[in-house]
């Protein structure tokens, strides 16, 4: 099973973020609002029997609720269009702590830098026109919410995109 740790986006914020979608850009495969999340740690493919061990280690993570601000649309060279997460020390601490817990189980993690974001859509070929339209749509957009939980999710890849299942939810102390 493909696993990752993430912060789900509250319904009210999902509604706000949905206003950034440009349905007329048919080349972009937009993410459904219910699937919006901020990935903290991508664990990757793991055998089913490790699930309880991962949940147990993750449950030991201490954190206090903290605010997050979302703003600025950007993109990765891979074709992902994203909404940025403003710098947050509590978010960095949570991400580092979770990475440490997962590595302590002997699970290898990607070495890439943590860049918190919400994936809005994917496009095989991002053109200047697409980027301009998306950037214009997001001008001045800013919102925020308090992080009061994070989740362990499994991901099932399907032809029309990934389907996520919450395997565990973790609350602050």
Protein backbone atom coordinates (compact mmCIF):
# COMPACT_ATOMS: atom_id res chain seq x y z
CA UNK A 1 0.00 0.00 0.00
CA UNK A 2 1.19 3.52 -0.86
CA UNK A 3 1.24 5.62 2.31
CA UNK A 4 1.74 9.26 3.18
CA UNK A 5 1.21 11.59 6.14
CA UNK A 6 -0.79 14.72 5.39
CA UNK A 7 -2.86 17.60 6.69
CA UNK A 8 -6.40 17.61 5.33
CA UNK A 9 -7.89 20.94 4.31
CA UNK A 10 -11.10 22.01 6.15
CA UNK A 11 -14.30 22.10 4.06
CA UNK A 12 -14.66 25.89 4.24
CA UNK A 13 -11.11 26.31 2.92
CA UNK A 14 -11.73 23.69 0.19
CA UNK A 15 -14.61 25.87 -1.03
CA UNK A 16 -12.36 28.94 -1.17
CA UNK A 17 -9.58 27.07 -2.96
CA UNK A 18 -12.06 25.69 -5.53
CA UNK A 19 -12.43 29.27 -6.81
CA UNK A 20 -8.85 29.03 -8.12
CA UNK A 21 -9.72 26.24 -10.56
CA UNK A 22 -9.96 27.29 -14.21
CA UNK A 23 -12.22 24.64 -15.79
CA UNK A 24 -11.73 26.22 -19.21
CA UNK A 25 -8.11 25.01 -19.09
CA UNK A 26 -8.94 21.50 -20.24
CA UNK A 27 -5.26 20.54 -20.47
CA UNK A 28 -5.07 20.68 -16.66
CA UNK A 29 -6.31 17.73 -14.59
CA UNK A 30 -7.69 19.56 -11.53
CA UNK A 31 -7.67 17.88 -8.12
CA UNK A 32 -11.10 17.49 -6.52
CA UNK A 33 -11.60 19.69 -3.45
CA UNK A 34 -12.16 16.69 -1.17
CA UNK A 35 -8.64 15.44 -1.99
CA UNK A 36 -6.81 18.67 -1.15
CA UNK A 37 -4.08 18.10 1.43
CA UNK A 38 -0.58 19.13 2.40
CA UNK A 39 1.76 16.16 2.24
CA UNK A 40 4.07 16.04 5.27
CA UNK A 41 5.90 12.78 4.56
CA UNK A 42 5.57 10.51 1.53
CA UNK A 43 6.23 7.05 2.97
CA UNK A 44 5.72 5.15 -0.27
CA UNK A 45 4.88 1.53 -0.92
CA UNK A 46 4.69 -0.53 2.30
CA UNK A 47 3.38 -4.02 3.04
CA UNK A 48 -0.01 -4.13 4.78
CA UNK A 49 1.51 -5.75 7.89
CA UNK A 50 3.57 -2.57 8.62
CA UNK A 51 0.49 -0.36 8.90
CA UNK A 52 -0.02 -0.84 12.68
CA UNK A 53 3.68 -0.20 13.35
CA UNK A 54 3.56 3.04 11.32
CA UNK A 55 0.38 4.17 13.10
CA UNK A 56 1.92 3.43 16.50
CA UNK A 57 5.13 5.37 15.76
CA UNK A 58 3.19 8.29 14.27
CA UNK A 59 0.83 8.45 17.27
CA UNK A 60 3.84 9.24 19.51
CA UNK A 61 4.35 12.57 17.72
CA UNK A 62 3.64 15.53 19.98
CA UNK A 63 2.33 18.76 18.50
CA UNK A 64 0.16 21.72 19.43
CA UNK A 65 -2.47 23.17 17.06
CA UNK A 66 -1.00 25.90 14.87
CA UNK A 67 -2.14 28.34 12.18
CA UNK A 68 -1.27 27.96 8.50
CA UNK A 69 -1.63 30.54 5.74
CA UNK A 70 -2.15 29.62 2.10
CA UNK A 71 -1.27 32.02 -0.70
CA UNK A 72 0.56 32.39 -4.01
CA UNK A 73 0.08 30.03 -6.89
CA UNK A 74 3.14 28.39 -8.37
CA UNK A 75 4.24 25.35 -10.32
CA UNK A 76 6.89 22.66 -10.43
CA UNK A 77 8.72 21.70 -13.63
CA UNK A 78 6.95 18.33 -13.39
CA UNK A 79 3.67 20.04 -14.35
CA UNK A 80 2.14 20.37 -10.89
CA UNK A 81 0.24 23.62 -10.25
CA UNK A 82 0.16 24.39 -6.53
CA UNK A 83 -1.04 26.79 -3.86
CA UNK A 84 1.76 27.73 -1.51
CA UNK A 85 1.93 27.40 2.25
CA UNK A 86 3.60 30.33 3.99
CA UNK A 87 6.66 29.54 6.10
CA UNK A 88 5.71 28.03 9.45
CA UNK A 89 8.07 26.83 12.18
CA UNK A 90 5.44 24.55 13.79
CA UNK A 91 4.80 22.94 10.39
CA UNK A 92 8.55 22.39 9.84
CA UNK A 93 8.91 20.86 13.32
CA UNK A 94 5.96 18.52 12.75
CA UNK A 95 7.31 17.42 9.37
CA UNK A 96 10.82 16.80 10.75
CA UNK A 97 9.48 14.88 13.74
CA UNK A 98 7.31 12.66 11.53
CA UNK A 99 10.18 12.02 9.10
CA UNK A 100 12.38 11.00 12.03
CA UNK A 101 9.71 8.62 13.41
CA UNK A 102 9.23 6.94 10.02
CA UNK A 103 13.00 6.63 9.42
CA UNK A 104 13.39 5.10 12.90
CA UNK A 105 11.27 2.20 11.60
CA UNK A 106 13.92 1.53 8.96
CA UNK A 107 11.86 3.05 6.15
CA UNK A 108 13.86 4.96 3.53
CA UNK A 109 12.36 8.36 2.65
CA UNK A 110 12.97 10.65 -0.30
CA UNK A 111 15.79 13.12 0.31
CA UNK A 112 14.16 16.07 -1.46
CA UNK A 113 13.58 19.34 0.37
CA UNK A 114 10.19 19.76 2.07
CA UNK A 115 8.20 22.35 0.10
CA UNK A 116 4.73 22.52 1.68
CA UNK A 117 1.98 23.09 -0.88
CA UNK A 118 -1.51 22.05 -2.00
CA UNK A 119 -1.54 20.44 -5.42
CA UNK A 120 -4.31 22.12 -7.41
CA UNK A 121 -3.79 20.37 -10.72
CA UNK A 122 -1.45 18.57 -13.07
CA UNK A 123 -0.61 19.35 -16.67
CA UNK A 124 1.65 17.40 -19.01
CA UNK A 125 2.79 20.58 -20.75
CA UNK A 126 2.59 23.85 -18.87
CA UNK A 127 2.52 26.68 -21.40
CA UNK A 128 2.99 30.40 -20.64
CA UNK A 129 -0.73 30.87 -21.42
CA UNK A 130 -1.79 28.28 -18.84
CA UNK A 131 0.56 29.71 -16.20
CA UNK A 132 -0.64 33.25 -16.92
CA UNK A 133 -4.32 32.28 -16.58
CA UNK A 134 -3.74 30.35 -13.36
CA UNK A 135 -1.59 33.15 -11.88
CA UNK A 136 -4.22 35.77 -12.75
CA UNK A 137 -6.94 33.61 -11.17
CA UNK A 138 -4.94 33.43 -7.93
CA UNK A 139 -3.92 37.10 -7.69
CA UNK A 140 -4.46 38.34 -4.15
CA UNK A 141 -5.75 34.98 -2.92
CA UNK A 142 -4.97 34.33 0.72
CA UNK A 143 -6.64 32.19 3.33
CA UNK A 144 -5.73 30.21 6.40
CA UNK A 145 -6.81 27.70 8.99
CA UNK A 146 -5.66 26.08 12.22
CA UNK A 147 -4.03 22.67 11.94
CA UNK A 148 -5.72 20.56 14.58
CA UNK A 149 -4.94 17.09 13.23
CA UNK A 150 -2.98 15.21 10.60
CA UNK A 151 -3.71 11.93 8.87
CA UNK A 152 -2.03 8.77 7.63
CA UNK A 153 -3.44 8.07 4.20
CA UNK A 154 -3.18 5.29 1.67
CA UNK A 155 -3.30 6.08 -2.01
CA UNK A 156 -4.75 3.86 -4.71
CA UNK A 157 -3.71 4.96 -8.20
CA UNK A 158 -6.51 4.80 -10.77
CA UNK A 159 -6.82 5.90 -14.39
CA UNK A 160 -8.70 9.07 -13.41
CA UNK A 161 -6.37 9.95 -10.52
CA UNK A 162 -5.56 8.77 -7.03
CA UNK A 163 -8.14 7.71 -4.47
CA UNK A 164 -7.19 8.41 -0.83
CA UNK A 165 -8.26 6.46 2.24
CA UNK A 166 -7.60 7.76 5.77
CA UNK A 167 -5.90 4.96 7.71
CA UNK A 168 -5.41 6.97 10.92
CA UNK A 169 -5.94 10.44 12.35
CA UNK A 170 -3.68 12.06 14.92
CA UNK A 171 -4.71 14.87 17.26
CA UNK A 172 -2.62 17.26 19.36
CA UNK A 173 -1.74 16.51 22.97
